[in-house]
Amino acid sequence: MKTAVLLSGCGVYDGAEIHESTFVLLALSQKKLDFICTAPNIKQHHVINHTSGEEMNEERNILVESARIARGEVVSLSKLDKDTISSLVIPGGFGSAKNLSNWAFKGQNGEVLQEVKDLILHCVENKKPIVALCISPTLIAKSLEGTDNHALLTLGTSSEKSEYNIAEIHDSVSSVGATTINKSIKEICVDENLKIISAPCYMMDAKMDEVYANIKNAIDKLSELV
């Protein structure tokens, strides 16, 4: 059994956050947890020039871009055998809110990509632990909307510096049925009942070593639950 690492492309503004994704793979390796990288085999929402922040007139595939992080070893989400995975980790980055869902554009009124939702629901229903980093807890909240499962999640804290409105995001997540809690970059949130771990990572104004420590704490907890 392996931990599935769900990627959403390559690059913070239009895909998976590269630091977070790499730290996840490192932390899993350090805990000797086998993993498999997976991503949807579809076009990403758009392509961003990461030096300027401007949109580029080109198209890229989420699976192909995710392969850059996975060093080529990535499986299409549609071909992932969910029965062979023990757990799930979802790094952050705008890809979670643009490619795996449309949260970036519609917020709590948006939708999660069906095959992503199916994966999340499979894990929750089968008591397989999930780690959701940065903005990716929004995927958990939306996937569980309308079910009997109400996750305890964090996307950071409004009491420390962030370029995002954490209180507003928490309100949006709460509006679809989840319960939110403030956590700093030094903390993780653990829903013991649903086995869901969330950590703020780059939702906060954090240094790289702080993000790594935050992710390591989350993966250490995952190791206890698997």
C-alpha atoms as a PDB file:
ATOM      1  CA  MET A   1       0.000   0.000   0.000  1.00  0.00           C
ATOM      2  CA  LYS A   2       1.263   3.459  -0.898  1.00  0.00           C
ATOM      3  CA  THR A   3       0.457   7.049  -0.062  1.00  0.00           C
ATOM      4  CA  ALA A   4      -1.025   8.833  -3.068  1.00  0.00           C
ATOM      5  CA  VAL A   5       0.370  12.336  -3.597  1.00  0.00           C
ATOM      6  CA  LEU A   6      -2.125  14.331  -5.650  1.00  0.00           C
ATOM      7  CA  LEU A   7      -0.417  16.975  -7.774  1.00  0.00           C
ATOM      8  CA  SER A   8      -2.091  19.771  -9.736  1.00  0.00           C
ATOM      9  CA  GLY A   9       0.660  20.851 -12.098  1.00  0.00           C
ATOM     10  CA  CYS A  10       3.994  22.525 -11.463  1.00  0.00           C
ATOM     11  CA  GLY A  11       4.248  26.042 -10.078  1.00  0.00           C
ATOM     12  CA  VAL A  12       2.532  27.940  -7.282  1.00  0.00           C
ATOM     13  CA  TYR A  13       0.406  30.257  -9.442  1.00  0.00           C
ATOM     14  CA  ASP A  14      -1.033  27.681 -11.843  1.00  0.00           C
ATOM     15  CA  GLY A  15      -0.205  24.265 -10.387  1.00  0.00           C
ATOM     16  CA  ALA A  16       1.147  22.488  -7.334  1.00  0.00           C
ATOM     17  CA  GLU A  17       3.392  24.504  -5.004  1.00  0.00           C
ATOM     18  CA  ILE A  18       6.831  23.069  -5.751  1.00  0.00           C
ATOM     19  CA  HIS A  19       8.380  23.552  -2.296  1.00  0.00           C
ATOM     20  CA  GLU A  20       5.394  21.964  -0.591  1.00  0.00           C
ATOM     21  CA  SER A  21       5.281  19.071  -3.050  1.00  0.00           C
ATOM     22  CA  THR A  22       8.993  18.351  -2.720  1.00  0.00           C
ATOM     23  CA  PHE A  23       8.885  18.617   1.072  1.00  0.00           C
ATOM     24  CA  VAL A  24       6.006  16.117   1.081  1.00  0.00           C
ATOM     25  CA  LEU A  25       8.015  13.593  -0.937  1.00  0.00           C
ATOM     26  CA  LEU A  26      11.067  14.133   1.279  1.00  0.00           C
ATOM     27  CA  ALA A  27       9.088  13.758   4.512  1.00  0.00           C
ATOM     28  CA  LEU A  28       7.370  10.601   3.231  1.00  0.00           C
ATOM     29  CA  SER A  29      10.731   9.166   2.270  1.00  0.00           C
ATOM     30  CA  GLN A  30      12.182   9.998   5.673  1.00  0.00           C
ATOM     31  CA  LYS A  31       9.320   8.112   7.335  1.00  0.00           C
ATOM     32  CA  LYS A  32       9.879   5.228   4.881  1.00  0.00           C
ATOM     33  CA  LEU A  33       6.358   5.577   3.522  1.00  0.00           C
ATOM     34  CA  ASP A  34       6.107   4.416  -0.078  1.00  0.00           C
ATOM     35  CA  PHE A  35       4.266   6.876  -2.307  1.00  0.00           C
ATOM     36  CA  ILE A  36       2.807   7.211  -5.776  1.00  0.00           C
ATOM     37  CA  CYS A  37       2.319  10.560  -7.489  1.00  0.00           C
ATOM     38  CA  THR A  38      -0.898  11.088  -9.405  1.00  0.00           C
ATOM     39  CA  ALA A  39      -2.574  13.919 -11.307  1.00  0.00           C
ATOM     40  CA  PRO A  40      -5.531  14.450 -13.632  1.00  0.00           C
ATOM     41  CA  ASN A  41      -4.690  13.983 -17.307  1.00  0.00           C
ATOM     42  CA  ILE A  42      -6.414  17.186 -18.460  1.00  0.00           C
ATOM     43  CA  LYS A  43      -5.506  20.733 -19.458  1.00  0.00           C
ATOM     44  CA  GLN A  44      -4.730  23.111 -16.619  1.00  0.00           C
ATOM     45  CA  HIS A  45      -6.917  26.190 -16.289  1.00  0.00           C
ATOM     46  CA  HIS A  46      -4.260  28.569 -17.588  1.00  0.00           C
ATOM     47  CA  VAL A  47      -0.513  29.145 -17.674  1.00  0.00           C
ATOM     48  CA  ILE A  48       1.137  31.867 -15.595  1.00  0.00           C
ATOM     49  CA  ASN A  49       4.529  33.460 -16.198  1.00  0.00           C
ATOM     50  CA  HIS A  50       6.007  33.101 -12.732  1.00  0.00           C
ATOM     51  CA  THR A  51       8.433  35.999 -13.242  1.00  0.00           C
ATOM     52  CA  SER A  52       5.670  38.511 -13.972  1.00  0.00           C
ATOM     53  CA  GLY A  53       2.456  36.937 -12.720  1.00  0.00           C
ATOM     54  CA  GLU A  54       0.883  37.467 -16.128  1.00  0.00           C
ATOM     55  CA  GLU A  55      -1.139  34.888 -18.024  1.00  0.00           C
ATOM     56  CA  MET A  56       0.567  33.310 -21.042  1.00  0.00           C
ATOM     57  CA  ASN A  57      -1.052  32.403 -24.341  1.00  0.00           C
ATOM     58  CA  GLU A  58      -0.366  28.677 -24.206  1.00  0.00           C
ATOM     59  CA  GLU A  59      -1.818  25.421 -22.922  1.00  0.00           C
ATOM     60  CA  ARG A  60      -0.290  22.826 -20.605  1.00  0.00           C
ATOM     61  CA  ASN A  61      -1.404  19.432 -19.332  1.00  0.00           C
ATOM     62  CA  ILE A  62      -1.672  18.878 -15.571  1.00  0.00           C
ATOM     63  CA  LEU A  63      -0.275  15.344 -15.714  1.00  0.00           C
ATOM     64  CA  VAL A  64       2.664  16.351 -17.911  1.00  0.00           C
ATOM     65  CA  GLU A  65       3.484  19.330 -15.713  1.00  0.00           C
ATOM     66  CA  SER A  66       3.194  17.239 -12.528  1.00  0.00           C
ATOM     67  CA  ALA A  67       5.719  14.818 -14.002  1.00  0.00           C
ATOM     68  CA  ARG A  68       8.327  17.585 -13.603  1.00  0.00           C
ATOM     69  CA  ILE A  69       7.980  17.288  -9.820  1.00  0.00           C
ATOM     70  CA  ALA A  70       7.638  13.495  -9.827  1.00  0.00           C
ATOM     71  CA  ARG A  71      10.700  13.040 -12.083  1.00  0.00           C
ATOM     72  CA  GLY A  72       8.471  11.371 -14.629  1.00  0.00           C
ATOM     73  CA  GLU A  73       6.954   8.842 -12.246  1.00  0.00           C
ATOM     74  CA  VAL A  74       3.328   9.938 -12.160  1.00  0.00           C
ATOM     75  CA  VAL A  75       0.129   8.058 -12.934  1.00  0.00           C
ATOM     76  CA  SER A  76      -3.036   9.504 -14.391  1.00  0.00           C
ATOM     77  CA  LEU A  77      -5.669   9.908 -11.687  1.00  0.00           C
ATOM     78  CA  SER A  78      -8.180   8.041 -13.859  1.00  0.00           C
ATOM     79  CA  LYS A  79      -5.871   5.003 -13.804  1.00  0.00           C
ATOM     80  CA  LEU A  80      -5.026   5.109 -10.094  1.00  0.00           C
ATOM     81  CA  ASP A  81      -6.127   1.932  -8.312  1.00  0.00           C
ATOM     82  CA  LYS A  82      -7.621   3.413  -5.157  1.00  0.00           C
ATOM     83  CA  ASP A  83      -7.659   0.030  -3.458  1.00  0.00           C
ATOM     84  CA  THR A  84      -3.840   0.004  -3.475  1.00  0.00           C
ATOM     85  CA  ILE A  85      -3.401   3.267  -1.562  1.00  0.00           C
ATOM     86  CA  SER A  86      -3.252   3.626   2.207  1.00  0.00           C
ATOM     87  CA  SER A  87      -3.562   7.405   2.418  1.00  0.00           C
ATOM     88  CA  LEU A  88      -3.590  10.651   0.480  1.00  0.00           C
ATOM     89  CA  VAL A  89      -1.538  13.861   0.565  1.00  0.00           C
ATOM     90  CA  ILE A  90      -2.576  16.989  -1.355  1.00  0.00           C
ATOM     91  CA  PRO A  91       0.048  19.766  -1.582  1.00  0.00           C
ATOM     92  CA  GLY A  92      -1.157  23.324  -2.015  1.00  0.00           C
ATOM     93  CA  GLY A  93      -0.597  25.856  -4.750  1.00  0.00           C
ATOM     94  CA  PHE A  94      -3.196  27.617  -6.867  1.00  0.00           C
ATOM     95  CA  GLY A  95      -3.546  24.426  -8.911  1.00  0.00           C
ATOM     96  CA  SER A  96      -5.724  23.021  -6.125  1.00  0.00           C
ATOM     97  CA  ALA A  97      -8.080  25.972  -6.513  1.00  0.00           C
ATOM     98  CA  LYS A  98      -7.814  26.331 -10.308  1.00  0.00           C
ATOM     99  CA  ASN A  99      -7.213  22.837 -11.697  1.00  0.00           C
ATOM    100  CA  LEU A 100      -8.528  20.389  -9.101  1.00  0.00           C
ATOM    101  CA  SER A 101     -11.482  22.672  -8.402  1.00  0.00           C
ATOM    102  CA  ASN A 102     -12.691  26.148  -9.341  1.00  0.00           C
ATOM    103  CA  TRP A 103     -12.542  27.518  -5.798  1.00  0.00           C
ATOM    104  CA  ALA A 104     -10.269  30.360  -6.987  1.00  0.00           C
ATOM    105  CA  PHE A 105     -13.080  31.662  -9.193  1.00  0.00           C
ATOM    106  CA  LYS A 106     -16.310  30.613  -7.480  1.00  0.00           C
ATOM    107  CA  GLY A 107     -15.283  30.040  -3.870  1.00  0.00           C
ATOM    108  CA  GLN A 108     -17.724  27.987  -1.839  1.00  0.00           C
ATOM    109  CA  ASN A 109     -20.153  27.996  -4.781  1.00  0.00           C
ATOM    110  CA  GLY A 110     -17.739  26.130  -7.020  1.00  0.00           C
ATOM    111  CA  GLU A 111     -17.129  22.450  -7.689  1.00  0.00           C
ATOM    112  CA  VAL A 112     -14.366  19.899  -7.247  1.00  0.00           C
ATOM    113  CA  LEU A 113     -13.178  17.890 -10.241  1.00  0.00           C
ATOM    114  CA  GLN A 114     -15.210  14.674 -10.058  1.00  0.00           C
ATOM    115  CA  GLU A 115     -12.267  12.258 -10.061  1.00  0.00           C
ATOM    116  CA  VAL A 116     -10.627  14.295  -7.279  1.00  0.00           C
ATOM    117  CA  LYS A 117     -13.849  14.255  -5.267  1.00  0.00           C
ATOM    118  CA  ASP A 118     -14.158  10.501  -5.808  1.00  0.00           C
ATOM    119  CA  LEU A 119     -10.627   9.982  -4.452  1.00  0.00           C
ATOM    120  CA  ILE A 120     -11.265  12.104  -1.375  1.00  0.00           C
ATOM    121  CA  LEU A 121     -14.585  10.395  -0.639  1.00  0.00           C
ATOM    122  CA  HIS A 122     -12.968   6.974  -1.094  1.00  0.00           C
ATOM    123  CA  CYS A 123     -10.388   7.836   1.543  1.00  0.00           C
ATOM    124  CA  VAL A 124     -12.899   9.261   4.014  1.00  0.00           C
ATOM    125  CA  GLU A 125     -15.342   6.370   3.589  1.00  0.00           C
ATOM    126  CA  ASN A 126     -12.569   3.802   4.017  1.00  0.00           C
ATOM    127  CA  LYS A 127     -10.884   5.584   6.953  1.00  0.00           C
ATOM    128  CA  LYS A 128      -7.721   6.245   4.957  1.00  0.00           C
ATOM    129  CA  PRO A 129      -5.857   9.293   6.337  1.00  0.00           C
ATOM    130  CA  ILE A 130      -5.655  12.482   4.288  1.00  0.00           C
ATOM    131  CA  VAL A 131      -3.138  15.318   4.581  1.00  0.00           C
ATOM    132  CA  ALA A 132      -4.360  18.596   3.065  1.00  0.00           C
ATOM    133  CA  LEU A 133      -1.844  21.423   2.839  1.00  0.00           C
ATOM    134  CA  CYS A 134      -2.147  25.155   2.251  1.00  0.00           C
ATOM    135  CA  ILE A 135      -5.327  25.890   0.221  1.00  0.00           C
ATOM    136  CA  SER A 136      -6.165  22.219  -0.432  1.00  0.00           C
ATOM    137  CA  PRO A 137      -8.449  21.822   2.634  1.00  0.00           C
ATOM    138  CA  THR A 138     -11.026  23.616   0.468  1.00  0.00           C
ATOM    139  CA  LEU A 139     -11.112  20.442  -1.656  1.00  0.00           C
ATOM    140  CA  ILE A 140     -11.945  18.389   1.428  1.00  0.00           C
ATOM    141  CA  ALA A 141     -14.699  20.748   2.544  1.00  0.00           C
ATOM    142  CA  LYS A 142     -16.352  20.896  -0.877  1.00  0.00           C
ATOM    143  CA  SER A 143     -16.081  17.140  -1.435  1.00  0.00           C
ATOM    144  CA  LEU A 144     -17.794  16.446   1.888  1.00  0.00           C
ATOM    145  CA  GLU A 145     -20.474  19.095   1.393  1.00  0.00           C
ATOM    146  CA  GLY A 146     -23.926  17.566   1.797  1.00  0.00           C
ATOM    147  CA  THR A 147     -22.632  14.409   3.472  1.00  0.00           C
ATOM    148  CA  ASP A 148     -22.803  13.362   7.093  1.00  0.00           C
ATOM    149  CA  ASN A 149     -19.070  13.983   7.465  1.00  0.00           C
ATOM    150  CA  HIS A 150     -18.009  17.431   8.637  1.00  0.00           C
ATOM    151  CA  ALA A 151     -14.252  17.854   8.698  1.00  0.00           C
ATOM    152  CA  LEU A 152     -12.220  19.899  11.162  1.00  0.00           C
ATOM    153  CA  LEU A 153      -9.791  21.933   9.045  1.00  0.00           C
ATOM    154  CA  THR A 154      -7.337  24.818   9.126  1.00  0.00           C
ATOM    155  CA  LEU A 155      -6.024  27.148   6.469  1.00  0.00           C
ATOM    156  CA  GLY A 156      -3.947  29.201   8.898  1.00  0.00           C
ATOM    157  CA  THR A 157      -4.671  31.938  11.394  1.00  0.00           C
ATOM    158  CA  SER A 158      -5.804  35.543  11.138  1.00  0.00           C
ATOM    159  CA  SER A 159      -3.656  36.479  14.141  1.00  0.00           C
ATOM    160  CA  GLU A 160      -0.388  36.218  12.202  1.00  0.00           C
ATOM    161  CA  LYS A 161       0.843  37.731   8.941  1.00  0.00           C
ATOM    162  CA  SER A 162      -0.581  36.366   5.694  1.00  0.00           C
ATOM    163  CA  GLU A 163      -1.169  37.784   2.231  1.00  0.00           C
ATOM    164  CA  TYR A 164      -4.578  36.073   2.284  1.00  0.00           C
ATOM    165  CA  ASN A 165      -7.715  36.860   4.277  1.00  0.00           C
ATOM    166  CA  ILE A 166      -7.685  33.747   6.448  1.00  0.00           C
ATOM    167  CA  ALA A 167     -10.820  34.696   8.377  1.00  0.00           C
ATOM    168  CA  GLU A 168     -12.756  35.127   5.141  1.00  0.00           C
ATOM    169  CA  ILE A 169     -11.501  31.812   3.752  1.00  0.00           C
ATOM    170  CA  HIS A 170     -12.392  30.051   6.997  1.00  0.00           C
ATOM    171  CA  ASP A 171     -15.894  31.526   6.791  1.00  0.00           C
ATOM    172  CA  SER A 172     -16.263  30.230   3.222  1.00  0.00           C
ATOM    173  CA  VAL A 173     -15.054  26.762   4.213  1.00  0.00           C
ATOM    174  CA  SER A 174     -17.407  26.729   7.195  1.00  0.00           C
ATOM    175  CA  SER A 175     -20.333  27.672   4.951  1.00  0.00           C
ATOM    176  CA  VAL A 176     -20.128  24.313   3.165  1.00  0.00           C
ATOM    177  CA  GLY A 177     -20.268  22.284   6.361  1.00  0.00           C
ATOM    178  CA  ALA A 178     -16.711  22.053   7.689  1.00  0.00           C
ATOM    179  CA  THR A 179     -15.466  23.329  11.044  1.00  0.00           C
ATOM    180  CA  THR A 180     -12.419  25.581  10.942  1.00  0.00           C
ATOM    181  CA  ILE A 181      -9.784  26.347  13.535  1.00  0.00           C
ATOM    182  CA  ASN A 182      -6.910  28.838  13.604  1.00  0.00           C
ATOM    183  CA  LYS A 183      -3.460  27.266  13.442  1.00  0.00           C
ATOM    184  CA  SER A 184      -0.087  28.947  13.044  1.00  0.00           C
ATOM    185  CA  ILE A 185       2.756  27.811  10.783  1.00  0.00           C
ATOM    186  CA  LYS A 186       4.109  25.902  13.785  1.00  0.00           C
ATOM    187  CA  GLU A 187       0.900  23.907  14.188  1.00  0.00           C
ATOM    188  CA  ILE A 188      -1.197  21.321  12.394  1.00  0.00           C
ATOM    189  CA  CYS A 189      -4.892  20.517  12.687  1.00  0.00           C
ATOM    190  CA  VAL A 190      -5.911  16.895  13.247  1.00  0.00           C
ATOM    191  CA  ASP A 191      -9.431  15.612  12.783  1.00  0.00           C
ATOM    192  CA  GLU A 192      -9.064  12.376  14.720  1.00  0.00           C
ATOM    193  CA  ASN A 193     -12.516  11.153  13.730  1.00  0.00           C
ATOM    194  CA  LEU A 194     -12.104  11.475   9.944  1.00  0.00           C
ATOM    195  CA  LYS A 195      -8.308  11.076  10.021  1.00  0.00           C
ATOM    196  CA  ILE A 196      -7.760  14.350   8.195  1.00  0.00           C
ATOM    197  CA  ILE A 197      -4.630  16.405   8.847  1.00  0.00           C
ATOM    198  CA  SER A 198      -4.345  19.973   7.600  1.00  0.00           C
ATOM    199  CA  ALA A 199      -1.475  22.440   7.795  1.00  0.00           C
ATOM    200  CA  PRO A 200      -1.299  26.093   6.690  1.00  0.00           C
ATOM    201  CA  CYS A 201       2.137  26.075   4.990  1.00  0.00           C
ATOM    202  CA  TYR A 202       2.393  28.975   2.521  1.00  0.00           C
ATOM    203  CA  MET A 203      -1.050  30.311   3.404  1.00  0.00           C
ATOM    204  CA  MET A 204       0.981  32.086   6.056  1.00  0.00           C
ATOM    205  CA  ASP A 205       3.868  34.476   5.504  1.00  0.00           C
ATOM    206  CA  ALA A 206       6.374  31.742   6.303  1.00  0.00           C
ATOM    207  CA  LYS A 207      10.000  30.971   5.563  1.00  0.00           C
ATOM    208  CA  MET A 208      10.964  27.840   3.652  1.00  0.00           C
ATOM    209  CA  ASP A 209      12.311  26.040   6.723  1.00  0.00           C
ATOM    210  CA  GLU A 210       9.096  26.805   8.601  1.00  0.00           C
ATOM    211  CA  VAL A 211       7.016  25.325   5.777  1.00  0.00           C
ATOM    212  CA  TYR A 212       9.178  22.206   5.745  1.00  0.00           C
ATOM    213  CA  ALA A 213       8.796  21.791   9.516  1.00  0.00           C
ATOM    214  CA  ASN A 214       5.028  22.265   9.180  1.00  0.00           C
ATOM    215  CA  ILE A 215       4.811  19.578   6.504  1.00  0.00           C
ATOM    216  CA  LYS A 216       7.095  17.227   8.410  1.00  0.00           C
ATOM    217  CA  ASN A 217       4.804  17.506  11.435  1.00  0.00           C
ATOM    218  CA  ALA A 218       1.838  16.639   9.234  1.00  0.00           C
ATOM    219  CA  ILE A 219       3.585  13.626   7.670  1.00  0.00           C
ATOM    220  CA  ASP A 220       4.805  12.461  11.079  1.00  0.00           C
ATOM    221  CA  LYS A 221       1.168  12.423  12.192  1.00  0.00           C
ATOM    222  CA  LEU A 222       0.165  10.645   9.002  1.00  0.00           C
ATOM    223  CA  SER A 223       2.726   7.957   9.781  1.00  0.00           C
ATOM    224  CA  GLU A 224       1.015   7.360  13.134  1.00  0.00           C
ATOM    225  CA  LEU A 225      -2.416   7.013  11.502  1.00  0.00           C
ATOM    226  CA  VAL A 226      -1.519   4.783   8.547  1.00  0.00           C
END
